[in-house]
Amino acid sequence: MAASEGVKDSLWLRRLVGFMGEDPSPVTIREDNQACLALATNGVFSTKSKHVDVRFHLVRDNVTRGEVFLEYTPTEEMLADGFTKALDGPAFLKFREALGMQVVRE
């Protein structure tokens, strides 16, 4: 589950900020998987979620503690997808614009 990797990285960054003398604020992780969000915020297990492992508990525990917030973001608005997926022309232009890049022609 990708959310667990995001939580692990955000916890590491929070500790780093704490070591630097700053007060680490909660981290917001944008997620487009609604099932992941439901499991992490609800915490109620069903027969369909029995397979969930330790990584899920890491996410849920840190959401419960308020160290991490999960926020739903539609797939079309996920900026990180541009780094991991092939994009068609309009999606690539939107991605490039969101990064603040522009074409310079001389």
PDB file of N, CA and C in Angstrom:
ATOM      1  N   MET A   1       0.855  -1.168   0.000  1.00  0.00           N
ATOM      2  CA  MET A   1       0.000   0.000   0.000  1.00  0.00           C
ATOM      3  C   MET A   1       0.898   1.227   0.000  1.00  0.00           C
ATOM      4  N   ALA A   2       0.682   2.081  -0.981  1.00  0.00           N
ATOM      5  CA  ALA A   2       1.529   3.261  -1.157  1.00  0.00           C
ATOM      6  C   ALA A   2       1.400   4.243   0.000  1.00  0.00           C
ATOM      7  N   ALA A   3       0.249   4.278   0.638  1.00  0.00           N
ATOM      8  CA  ALA A   3       0.054   5.203   1.758  1.00  0.00           C
ATOM      9  C   ALA A   3       1.024   4.895   2.893  1.00  0.00           C
ATOM     10  N   SER A   4       1.347   3.619   3.085  1.00  0.00           N
ATOM     11  CA  SER A   4       2.281   3.274   4.169  1.00  0.00           C
ATOM     12  C   SER A   4       3.676   3.826   3.891  1.00  0.00           C
ATOM     13  N   GLU A   5       4.091   3.822   2.633  1.00  0.00           N
ATOM     14  CA  GLU A   5       5.397   4.396   2.289  1.00  0.00           C
ATOM     15  C   GLU A   5       5.392   5.899   2.525  1.00  0.00           C
ATOM     16  N   GLY A   6       4.292   6.544   2.162  1.00  0.00           N
ATOM     17  CA  GLY A   6       4.173   7.980   2.399  1.00  0.00           C
ATOM     18  C   GLY A   6       4.193   8.312   3.883  1.00  0.00           C
ATOM     19  N   VAL A   7       3.528   7.499   4.688  1.00  0.00           N
ATOM     20  CA  VAL A   7       3.515   7.721   6.136  1.00  0.00           C
ATOM     21  C   VAL A   7       4.902   7.521   6.715  1.00  0.00           C
ATOM     22  N   LYS A   8       5.594   6.457   6.290  1.00  0.00           N
ATOM     23  CA  LYS A   8       6.956   6.217   6.801  1.00  0.00           C
ATOM     24  C   LYS A   8       7.868   7.395   6.479  1.00  0.00           C
ATOM     25  N   ASP A   9       7.798   7.889   5.242  1.00  0.00           N
ATOM     26  CA  ASP A   9       8.639   9.023   4.854  1.00  0.00           C
ATOM     27  C   ASP A   9       8.271  10.283   5.618  1.00  0.00           C
ATOM     28  N   SER A  10       6.982  10.505   5.810  1.00  0.00           N
ATOM     29  CA  SER A  10       6.565  11.713   6.532  1.00  0.00           C
ATOM     30  C   SER A  10       6.983  11.655   7.998  1.00  0.00           C
ATOM     31  N   LEU A  11       6.942  10.465   8.609  1.00  0.00           N
ATOM     32  CA  LEU A  11       7.394  10.336   9.997  1.00  0.00           C
ATOM     33  C   LEU A  11       8.887  10.627  10.101  1.00  0.00           C
ATOM     34  N   TRP A  12       9.651  10.147   9.129  1.00  0.00           N
ATOM     35  CA  TRP A  12      11.089  10.400   9.130  1.00  0.00           C
ATOM     36  C   TRP A  12      11.355  11.900   9.010  1.00  0.00           C
ATOM     37  N   LEU A  13      10.643  12.566   8.102  1.00  0.00           N
ATOM     38  CA  LEU A  13      10.824  14.003   7.922  1.00  0.00           C
ATOM     39  C   LEU A  13      10.392  14.786   9.166  1.00  0.00           C
ATOM     40  N   ARG A  14       9.328  14.337   9.810  1.00  0.00           N
ATOM     41  CA  ARG A  14       8.889  15.002  11.049  1.00  0.00           C
ATOM     42  C   ARG A  14       9.958  14.899  12.126  1.00  0.00           C
ATOM     43  N   ARG A  15      10.573  13.727  12.244  1.00  0.00           N
ATOM     44  CA  ARG A  15      11.646  13.566  13.238  1.00  0.00           C
ATOM     45  C   ARG A  15      12.838  14.448  12.895  1.00  0.00           C
ATOM     46  N   LEU A  16      13.171  14.530  11.617  1.00  0.00           N
ATOM     47  CA  LEU A  16      14.276  15.385  11.191  1.00  0.00           C
ATOM     48  C   LEU A  16      14.006  16.836  11.553  1.00  0.00           C
ATOM     49  N   VAL A  17      12.796  17.298  11.290  1.00  0.00           N
ATOM     50  CA  VAL A  17      12.425  18.674  11.632  1.00  0.00           C
ATOM     51  C   VAL A  17      12.494  18.870  13.146  1.00  0.00           C
ATOM     52  N   GLY A  18      12.077  17.859  13.907  1.00  0.00           N
ATOM     53  CA  GLY A  18      12.153  17.934  15.366  1.00  0.00           C
ATOM     54  C   GLY A  18      13.586  18.030  15.859  1.00  0.00           C
ATOM     55  N   PHE A  19      14.492  17.285  15.255  1.00  0.00           N
ATOM     56  CA  PHE A  19      15.903  17.344  15.634  1.00  0.00           C
ATOM     57  C   PHE A  19      16.516  18.701  15.310  1.00  0.00           C
ATOM     58  N   MET A  20      15.950  19.387  14.348  1.00  0.00           N
ATOM     59  CA  MET A  20      16.461  20.703  13.961  1.00  0.00           C
ATOM     60  C   MET A  20      15.905  21.809  14.859  1.00  0.00           C
ATOM     61  N   GLY A  21      15.092  21.420  15.834  1.00  0.00           N
ATOM     62  CA  GLY A  21      14.588  22.386  16.795  1.00  0.00           C
ATOM     63  C   GLY A  21      13.254  23.005  16.446  1.00  0.00           C
ATOM     64  N   GLU A  22      12.651  22.558  15.390  1.00  0.00           N
ATOM     65  CA  GLU A  22      11.346  23.079  14.985  1.00  0.00           C
ATOM     66  C   GLU A  22      10.242  22.169  15.510  1.00  0.00           C
ATOM     67  N   ASP A  23       9.054  22.716  15.614  1.00  0.00           N
ATOM     68  CA  ASP A  23       7.897  21.933  16.025  1.00  0.00           C
ATOM     69  C   ASP A  23       7.311  21.268  14.782  1.00  0.00           C
ATOM     70  N   PRO A  24       7.398  19.937  14.672  1.00  0.00           N
ATOM     71  CA  PRO A  24       6.889  19.279  13.462  1.00  0.00           C
ATOM     72  C   PRO A  24       5.366  19.276  13.424  1.00  0.00           C
ATOM     73  N   SER A  25       4.822  19.835  12.373  1.00  0.00           N
ATOM     74  CA  SER A  25       3.371  19.870  12.221  1.00  0.00           C
ATOM     75  C   SER A  25       2.908  18.582  11.537  1.00  0.00           C
ATOM     76  N   PRO A  26       1.632  18.246  11.682  1.00  0.00           N
ATOM     77  CA  PRO A  26       1.107  17.054  11.002  1.00  0.00           C
ATOM     78  C   PRO A  26       1.259  17.170   9.488  1.00  0.00           C
ATOM     79  N   VAL A  27       1.408  16.038   8.846  1.00  0.00           N
ATOM     80  CA  VAL A  27       1.617  15.979   7.404  1.00  0.00           C
ATOM     81  C   VAL A  27       0.321  15.535   6.735  1.00  0.00           C
ATOM     82  N   THR A  28      -0.024  16.182   5.639  1.00  0.00           N
ATOM     83  CA  THR A  28      -1.192  15.781   4.860  1.00  0.00           C
ATOM     84  C   THR A  28      -0.721  14.961   3.671  1.00  0.00           C
ATOM     85  N   ILE A  29      -1.265  13.763   3.545  1.00  0.00           N
ATOM     86  CA  ILE A  29      -0.942  12.882   2.429  1.00  0.00           C
ATOM     87  C   ILE A  29      -2.176  12.779   1.553  1.00  0.00           C
ATOM     88  N   ARG A  30      -1.997  13.072   0.284  1.00  0.00           N
ATOM     89  CA  ARG A  30      -3.109  13.005  -0.665  1.00  0.00           C
ATOM     90  C   ARG A  30      -3.204  11.586  -1.207  1.00  0.00           C
ATOM     91  N   GLU A  31      -4.394  11.054  -1.191  1.00  0.00           N
ATOM     92  CA  GLU A  31      -4.625   9.662  -1.578  1.00  0.00           C
ATOM     93  C   GLU A  31      -5.830   9.600  -2.504  1.00  0.00           C
ATOM     94  N   ASP A  32      -5.720   8.806  -3.589  1.00  0.00           N
ATOM     95  CA  ASP A  32      -6.849   8.663  -4.500  1.00  0.00           C
ATOM     96  C   ASP A  32      -7.553   7.322  -4.348  1.00  0.00           C
ATOM     97  N   ASN A  33      -7.110   6.508  -3.424  1.00  0.00           N
ATOM     98  CA  ASN A  33      -7.723   5.209  -3.180  1.00  0.00           C
ATOM     99  C   ASN A  33      -8.712   5.342  -2.023  1.00  0.00           C
ATOM    100  N   GLN A  34      -9.994   5.348  -2.354  1.00  0.00           N
ATOM    101  CA  GLN A  34     -11.003   5.564  -1.328  1.00  0.00           C
ATOM    102  C   GLN A  34     -11.105   4.401  -0.354  1.00  0.00           C
ATOM    103  N   ALA A  35     -10.787   3.196  -0.772  1.00  0.00           N
ATOM    104  CA  ALA A  35     -10.800   2.054   0.144  1.00  0.00           C
ATOM    105  C   ALA A  35      -9.711   2.215   1.202  1.00  0.00           C
ATOM    106  N   CYS A  36      -8.557   2.699   0.795  1.00  0.00           N
ATOM    107  CA  CYS A  36      -7.462   2.952   1.740  1.00  0.00           C
ATOM    108  C   CYS A  36      -7.881   4.005   2.757  1.00  0.00           C
ATOM    109  N   LEU A  37      -8.509   5.058   2.290  1.00  0.00           N
ATOM    110  CA  LEU A  37      -8.965   6.115   3.191  1.00  0.00           C
ATOM    111  C   LEU A  37     -10.005   5.592   4.176  1.00  0.00           C
ATOM    112  N   ALA A  38     -10.921   4.781   3.707  1.00  0.00           N
ATOM    113  CA  ALA A  38     -11.963   4.245   4.578  1.00  0.00           C
ATOM    114  C   ALA A  38     -11.373   3.344   5.657  1.00  0.00           C
ATOM    115  N   LEU A  39     -10.438   2.488   5.286  1.00  0.00           N
ATOM    116  CA  LEU A  39      -9.818   1.600   6.270  1.00  0.00           C
ATOM    117  C   LEU A  39      -8.988   2.375   7.280  1.00  0.00           C
ATOM    118  N   ALA A  40      -8.275   3.393   6.816  1.00  0.00           N
ATOM    119  CA  ALA A  40      -7.381   4.138   7.704  1.00  0.00           C
ATOM    120  C   ALA A  40      -8.145   5.027   8.678  1.00  0.00           C
ATOM    121  N   THR A  41      -9.284   5.543   8.265  1.00  0.00           N
ATOM    122  CA  THR A  41     -10.015   6.452   9.140  1.00  0.00           C
ATOM    123  C   THR A  41     -11.096   5.758   9.948  1.00  0.00           C
ATOM    124  N   ASN A  42     -11.667   4.678   9.425  1.00  0.00           N
ATOM    125  CA  ASN A  42     -12.757   4.007  10.102  1.00  0.00           C
ATOM    126  C   ASN A  42     -12.258   3.002  11.124  1.00  0.00           C
ATOM    127  N   GLY A  43     -11.316   2.157  10.732  1.00  0.00           N
ATOM    128  CA  GLY A  43     -10.755   1.180  11.652  1.00  0.00           C
ATOM    129  C   GLY A  43     -11.637  -0.023  11.892  1.00  0.00           C
ATOM    130  N   VAL A  44     -12.773  -0.134  11.202  1.00  0.00           N
ATOM    131  CA  VAL A  44     -13.654  -1.282  11.357  1.00  0.00           C
ATOM    132  C   VAL A  44     -13.252  -2.326  10.329  1.00  0.00           C
ATOM    133  N   PHE A  45     -13.031  -3.530  10.794  1.00  0.00           N
ATOM    134  CA  PHE A  45     -12.622  -4.606   9.902  1.00  0.00           C
ATOM    135  C   PHE A  45     -13.832  -5.401   9.452  1.00  0.00           C
ATOM    136  N   SER A  46     -13.768  -5.904   8.261  1.00  0.00           N
ATOM    137  CA  SER A  46     -14.790  -6.806   7.751  1.00  0.00           C
ATOM    138  C   SER A  46     -14.076  -8.036   7.208  1.00  0.00           C
ATOM    139  N   THR A  47     -14.839  -8.968   6.709  1.00  0.00           N
ATOM    140  CA  THR A  47     -14.224 -10.175   6.160  1.00  0.00           C
ATOM    141  C   THR A  47     -13.385  -9.851   4.934  1.00  0.00           C
ATOM    142  N   LYS A  48     -13.693  -8.747   4.258  1.00  0.00           N
ATOM    143  CA  LYS A  48     -12.929  -8.366   3.070  1.00  0.00           C
ATOM    144  C   LYS A  48     -11.617  -7.674   3.405  1.00  0.00           C
ATOM    145  N   SER A  49     -11.453  -7.232   4.632  1.00  0.00           N
ATOM    146  CA  SER A  49     -10.217  -6.520   4.994  1.00  0.00           C
ATOM    147  C   SER A  49      -9.333  -7.316   5.937  1.00  0.00           C
ATOM    148  N   LYS A  50      -9.568  -8.612   6.076  1.00  0.00           N
ATOM    149  CA  LYS A  50      -8.776  -9.432   6.987  1.00  0.00           C
ATOM    150  C   LYS A  50      -7.322  -9.588   6.509  1.00  0.00           C
ATOM    151  N   HIS A  51      -7.095  -9.431   5.219  1.00  0.00           N
ATOM    152  CA  HIS A  51      -5.765  -9.625   4.657  1.00  0.00           C
ATOM    153  C   HIS A  51      -4.813  -8.462   4.939  1.00  0.00           C
ATOM    154  N   VAL A  52      -5.316  -7.384   5.471  1.00  0.00           N
ATOM    155  CA  VAL A  52      -4.507  -6.183   5.676  1.00  0.00           C
ATOM    156  C   VAL A  52      -3.414  -6.479   6.690  1.00  0.00           C
ATOM    157  N   ASP A  53      -2.206  -6.020   6.377  1.00  0.00           N
ATOM    158  CA  ASP A  53      -1.057  -6.378   7.210  1.00  0.00           C
ATOM    159  C   ASP A  53      -0.568  -5.221   8.066  1.00  0.00           C
ATOM    160  N   VAL A  54       0.644  -5.345   8.544  1.00  0.00           N
ATOM    161  CA  VAL A  54       1.240  -4.396   9.483  1.00  0.00           C
ATOM    162  C   VAL A  54       1.341  -2.994   8.888  1.00  0.00           C
ATOM    163  N   ARG A  55       1.577  -2.899   7.592  1.00  0.00           N
ATOM    164  CA  ARG A  55       1.708  -1.575   6.974  1.00  0.00           C
ATOM    165  C   ARG A  55       0.429  -0.760   7.132  1.00  0.00           C
ATOM    166  N   PHE A  56      -0.711  -1.430   7.032  1.00  0.00           N
ATOM    167  CA  PHE A  56      -1.978  -0.737   7.223  1.00  0.00           C
ATOM    168  C   PHE A  56      -2.085  -0.181   8.639  1.00  0.00           C
ATOM    169  N   HIS A  57      -1.661  -0.977   9.615  1.00  0.00           N
ATOM    170  CA  HIS A  57      -1.758  -0.527  11.008  1.00  0.00           C
ATOM    171  C   HIS A  57      -0.870   0.683  11.263  1.00  0.00           C
ATOM    172  N   LEU A  58       0.269   0.768  10.588  1.00  0.00           N
ATOM    173  CA  LEU A  58       1.125   1.945  10.691  1.00  0.00           C
ATOM    174  C   LEU A  58       0.364   3.189  10.244  1.00  0.00           C
ATOM    175  N   VAL A  59      -0.334   3.092   9.126  1.00  0.00           N
ATOM    176  CA  VAL A  59      -1.096   4.230   8.607  1.00  0.00           C
ATOM    177  C   VAL A  59      -2.207   4.597   9.584  1.00  0.00           C
ATOM    178  N   ARG A  60      -2.996   3.615   9.974  1.00  0.00           N
ATOM    179  CA  ARG A  60      -4.145   3.888  10.848  1.00  0.00           C
ATOM    180  C   ARG A  60      -3.717   4.461  12.190  1.00  0.00           C
ATOM    181  N   ASP A  61      -2.657   3.914  12.794  1.00  0.00           N
ATOM    182  CA  ASP A  61      -2.193   4.401  14.093  1.00  0.00           C
ATOM    183  C   ASP A  61      -1.746   5.860  14.020  1.00  0.00           C
ATOM    184  N   ASN A  62      -1.047   6.222  12.971  1.00  0.00           N
ATOM    185  CA  ASN A  62      -0.551   7.600  12.854  1.00  0.00           C
ATOM    186  C   ASN A  62      -1.655   8.573  12.480  1.00  0.00           C
ATOM    187  N   VAL A  63      -2.669   8.112  11.765  1.00  0.00           N
ATOM    188  CA  VAL A  63      -3.842   8.959  11.503  1.00  0.00           C
ATOM    189  C   VAL A  63      -4.583   9.185  12.814  1.00  0.00           C
ATOM    190  N   THR A  64      -4.723   8.126  13.616  1.00  0.00           N
ATOM    191  CA  THR A  64      -5.414   8.234  14.907  1.00  0.00           C
ATOM    192  C   THR A  64      -4.683   9.184  15.849  1.00  0.00           C
ATOM    193  N   ARG A  65      -3.362   9.154  15.838  1.00  0.00           N
ATOM    194  CA  ARG A  65      -2.557  10.032  16.703  1.00  0.00           C
ATOM    195  C   ARG A  65      -2.542  11.475  16.225  1.00  0.00           C
ATOM    196  N   GLY A  66      -2.975  11.720  14.995  1.00  0.00           N
ATOM    197  CA  GLY A  66      -2.984  13.076  14.456  1.00  0.00           C
ATOM    198  C   GLY A  66      -1.644  13.511  13.888  1.00  0.00           C
ATOM    199  N   GLU A  67      -0.736  12.574  13.681  1.00  0.00           N
ATOM    200  CA  GLU A  67       0.561  12.914  13.080  1.00  0.00           C
ATOM    201  C   GLU A  67       0.468  13.013  11.566  1.00  0.00           C
ATOM    202  N   VAL A  68      -0.520  12.329  11.000  1.00  0.00           N
ATOM    203  CA  VAL A  68      -0.707  12.297   9.551  1.00  0.00           C
ATOM    204  C   VAL A  68      -2.190  12.477   9.260  1.00  0.00           C
ATOM    205  N   PHE A  69      -2.495  13.270   8.247  1.00  0.00           N
ATOM    206  CA  PHE A  69      -3.854  13.404   7.766  1.00  0.00           C
ATOM    207  C   PHE A  69      -3.912  12.839   6.355  1.00  0.00           C
ATOM    208  N   LEU A  70      -4.922  12.059   6.074  1.00  0.00           N
ATOM    209  CA  LEU A  70      -5.142  11.561   4.721  1.00  0.00           C
ATOM    210  C   LEU A  70      -6.249  12.382   4.095  1.00  0.00           C
ATOM    211  N   GLU A  71      -6.022  12.828   2.871  1.00  0.00           N
ATOM    212  CA  GLU A  71      -6.982  13.678   2.164  1.00  0.00           C
ATOM    213  C   GLU A  71      -7.259  13.075   0.795  1.00  0.00           C
ATOM    214  N   TYR A  72      -8.530  12.932   0.471  1.00  0.00           N
ATOM    215  CA  TYR A  72      -8.877  12.397  -0.837  1.00  0.00           C
ATOM    216  C   TYR A  72      -8.587  13.429  -1.920  1.00  0.00           C
ATOM    217  N   THR A  73      -7.914  12.984  -2.957  1.00  0.00           N
ATOM    218  CA  THR A  73      -7.642  13.801  -4.134  1.00  0.00           C
ATOM    219  C   THR A  73      -7.945  12.945  -5.356  1.00  0.00           C
ATOM    220  N   PRO A  74      -8.787  13.411  -6.266  1.00  0.00           N
ATOM    221  CA  PRO A  74      -9.101  12.615  -7.459  1.00  0.00           C
ATOM    222  C   PRO A  74      -7.836  12.281  -8.258  1.00  0.00           C
ATOM    223  N   THR A  75      -7.869  11.160  -8.927  1.00  0.00           N
ATOM    224  CA  THR A  75      -6.709  10.698  -9.703  1.00  0.00           C
ATOM    225  C   THR A  75      -6.249  11.751 -10.700  1.00  0.00           C
ATOM    226  N   GLU A  76      -7.178  12.466 -11.303  1.00  0.00           N
ATOM    227  CA  GLU A  76      -6.824  13.469 -12.313  1.00  0.00           C
ATOM    228  C   GLU A  76      -6.007  14.609 -11.730  1.00  0.00           C
ATOM    229  N   GLU A  77      -6.075  14.819 -10.424  1.00  0.00           N
ATOM    230  CA  GLU A  77      -5.356  15.920  -9.778  1.00  0.00           C
ATOM    231  C   GLU A  77      -4.086  15.478  -9.054  1.00  0.00           C
ATOM    232  N   MET A  78      -3.745  14.208  -9.144  1.00  0.00           N
ATOM    233  CA  MET A  78      -2.563  13.701  -8.446  1.00  0.00           C
ATOM    234  C   MET A  78      -1.313  14.087  -9.227  1.00  0.00           C
ATOM    235  N   LEU A  79      -0.571  15.040  -8.703  1.00  0.00           N
ATOM    236  CA  LEU A  79       0.632  15.522  -9.373  1.00  0.00           C
ATOM    237  C   LEU A  79       1.700  14.436  -9.463  1.00  0.00           C
ATOM    238  N   ALA A  80       1.804  13.593  -8.458  1.00  0.00           N
ATOM    239  CA  ALA A  80       2.837  12.553  -8.434  1.00  0.00           C
ATOM    240  C   ALA A  80       2.671  11.551  -9.566  1.00  0.00           C
ATOM    241  N   ASP A  81       1.470  11.383 -10.096  1.00  0.00           N
ATOM    242  CA  ASP A  81       1.262  10.435 -11.184  1.00  0.00           C
ATOM    243  C   ASP A  81       2.090  10.779 -12.414  1.00  0.00           C
ATOM    244  N   GLY A  82       2.403  12.040 -12.598  1.00  0.00           N
ATOM    245  CA  GLY A  82       3.219  12.440 -13.742  1.00  0.00           C
ATOM    246  C   GLY A  82       4.626  11.880 -13.690  1.00  0.00           C
ATOM    247  N   PHE A  83       5.094  11.534 -12.511  1.00  0.00           N
ATOM    248  CA  PHE A  83       6.426  10.950 -12.366  1.00  0.00           C
ATOM    249  C   PHE A  83       6.413   9.434 -12.528  1.00  0.00           C
ATOM    250  N   THR A  84       5.233   8.823 -12.445  1.00  0.00           N
ATOM    251  CA  THR A  84       5.172   7.363 -12.418  1.00  0.00           C
ATOM    252  C   THR A  84       4.369   6.751 -13.548  1.00  0.00           C
ATOM    253  N   LYS A  85       3.617   7.551 -14.312  1.00  0.00           N
ATOM    254  CA  LYS A  85       2.754   7.005 -15.351  1.00  0.00           C
ATOM    255  C   LYS A  85       2.955   7.749 -16.664  1.00  0.00           C
ATOM    256  N   ALA A  86       2.652   7.067 -17.746  1.00  0.00           N
ATOM    257  CA  ALA A  86       2.686   7.712 -19.053  1.00  0.00           C
ATOM    258  C   ALA A  86       1.478   8.639 -19.167  1.00  0.00           C
ATOM    259  N   LEU A  87       1.704   9.834 -19.655  1.00  0.00           N
ATOM    260  CA  LEU A  87       0.636  10.817 -19.755  1.00  0.00           C
ATOM    261  C   LEU A  87       0.372  11.149 -21.212  1.00  0.00           C
ATOM    262  N   ASP A  88      -0.905  11.362 -21.539  1.00  0.00           N
ATOM    263  CA  ASP A  88      -1.228  11.820 -22.886  1.00  0.00           C
ATOM    264  C   ASP A  88      -0.914  13.315 -22.984  1.00  0.00           C
ATOM    265  N   GLY A  89      -1.078  13.902 -24.147  1.00  0.00           N
ATOM    266  CA  GLY A  89      -0.696  15.291 -24.381  1.00  0.00           C
ATOM    267  C   GLY A  89      -1.278  16.298 -23.406  1.00  0.00           C
ATOM    268  N   PRO A  90      -2.615  16.372 -23.263  1.00  0.00           N
ATOM    269  CA  PRO A  90      -3.198  17.355 -22.338  1.00  0.00           C
ATOM    270  C   PRO A  90      -2.798  17.110 -20.874  1.00  0.00           C
ATOM    271  N   ALA A  91      -2.732  15.850 -20.468  1.00  0.00           N
ATOM    272  CA  ALA A  91      -2.338  15.553 -19.086  1.00  0.00           C
ATOM    273  C   ALA A  91      -0.880  15.946 -18.850  1.00  0.00           C
ATOM    274  N   PHE A  92      -0.021  15.732 -19.863  1.00  0.00           N
ATOM    275  CA  PHE A  92       1.377  16.130 -19.724  1.00  0.00           C
ATOM    276  C   PHE A  92       1.509  17.643 -19.599  1.00  0.00           C
ATOM    277  N   LEU A  93       0.763  18.387 -20.409  1.00  0.00           N
ATOM    278  CA  LEU A  93       0.820  19.847 -20.340  1.00  0.00           C
ATOM    279  C   LEU A  93       0.337  20.348 -18.976  1.00  0.00           C
ATOM    280  N   LYS A  94      -0.708  19.736 -18.446  1.00  0.00           N
ATOM    281  CA  LYS A  94      -1.208  20.102 -17.115  1.00  0.00           C
ATOM    282  C   LYS A  94      -0.154  19.797 -16.049  1.00  0.00           C
ATOM    283  N   PHE A  95       0.495  18.629 -16.164  1.00  0.00           N
ATOM    284  CA  PHE A  95       1.549  18.230 -15.234  1.00  0.00           C
ATOM    285  C   PHE A  95       2.716  19.208 -15.291  1.00  0.00           C
ATOM    286  N   ARG A  96       3.147  19.551 -16.505  1.00  0.00           N
ATOM    287  CA  ARG A  96       4.268  20.470 -16.677  1.00  0.00           C
ATOM    288  C   ARG A  96       3.951  21.843 -16.091  1.00  0.00           C
ATOM    289  N   GLU A  97       2.734  22.302 -16.295  1.00  0.00           N
ATOM    290  CA  GLU A  97       2.310  23.595 -15.755  1.00  0.00           C
ATOM    291  C   GLU A  97       2.263  23.567 -14.226  1.00  0.00           C
ATOM    292  N   ALA A  98       1.781  22.460 -13.662  1.00  0.00           N
ATOM    293  CA  ALA A  98       1.696  22.334 -12.199  1.00  0.00           C
ATOM    294  C   ALA A  98       3.089  22.350 -11.558  1.00  0.00           C
ATOM    295  N   LEU A  99       4.088  21.881 -12.293  1.00  0.00           N
ATOM    296  CA  LEU A  99       5.462  21.910 -11.793  1.00  0.00           C
ATOM    297  C   LEU A  99       6.103  23.302 -11.941  1.00  0.00           C
ATOM    298  N   GLY A 100       5.428  24.177 -12.666  1.00  0.00           N
ATOM    299  CA  GLY A 100       5.960  25.521 -12.860  1.00  0.00           C
ATOM    300  C   GLY A 100       6.969  25.589 -13.986  1.00  0.00           C
ATOM    301  N   MET A 101       6.952  24.623 -14.862  1.00  0.00           N
ATOM    302  CA  MET A 101       7.888  24.587 -15.986  1.00  0.00           C
ATOM    303  C   MET A 101       7.222  25.173 -17.224  1.00  0.00           C
ATOM    304  N   GLN A 102       8.035  25.771 -18.052  1.00  0.00           N
ATOM    305  CA  GLN A 102       7.528  26.277 -19.311  1.00  0.00           C
ATOM    306  C   GLN A 102       8.593  26.119 -20.385  1.00  0.00           C
ATOM    307  N   VAL A 103       8.143  26.081 -21.615  1.00  0.00           N
ATOM    308  CA  VAL A 103       9.034  25.918 -22.739  1.00  0.00           C
ATOM    309  C   VAL A 103       9.611  27.276 -23.110  1.00  0.00           C
ATOM    310  N   VAL A 104      10.926  27.345 -23.226  1.00  0.00           N
ATOM    311  CA  VAL A 104      11.597  28.574 -23.635  1.00  0.00           C
ATOM    312  C   VAL A 104      12.205  28.324 -25.001  1.00  0.00           C
ATOM    313  N   ARG A 105      11.765  29.092 -25.964  1.00  0.00           N
ATOM    314  CA  ARG A 105      12.286  28.922 -27.318  1.00  0.00           C
ATOM    315  C   ARG A 105      13.076  30.152 -27.699  1.00  0.00           C
ATOM    316  N   GLU A 106      14.217  29.899 -28.230  1.00  0.00           N
ATOM    317  CA  GLU A 106      15.080  31.023 -28.637  1.00  0.00           C
ATOM    318  C   GLU A 106      15.314  31.020 -30.112  1.00  0.00           C
TER     319      GLU A 106
END
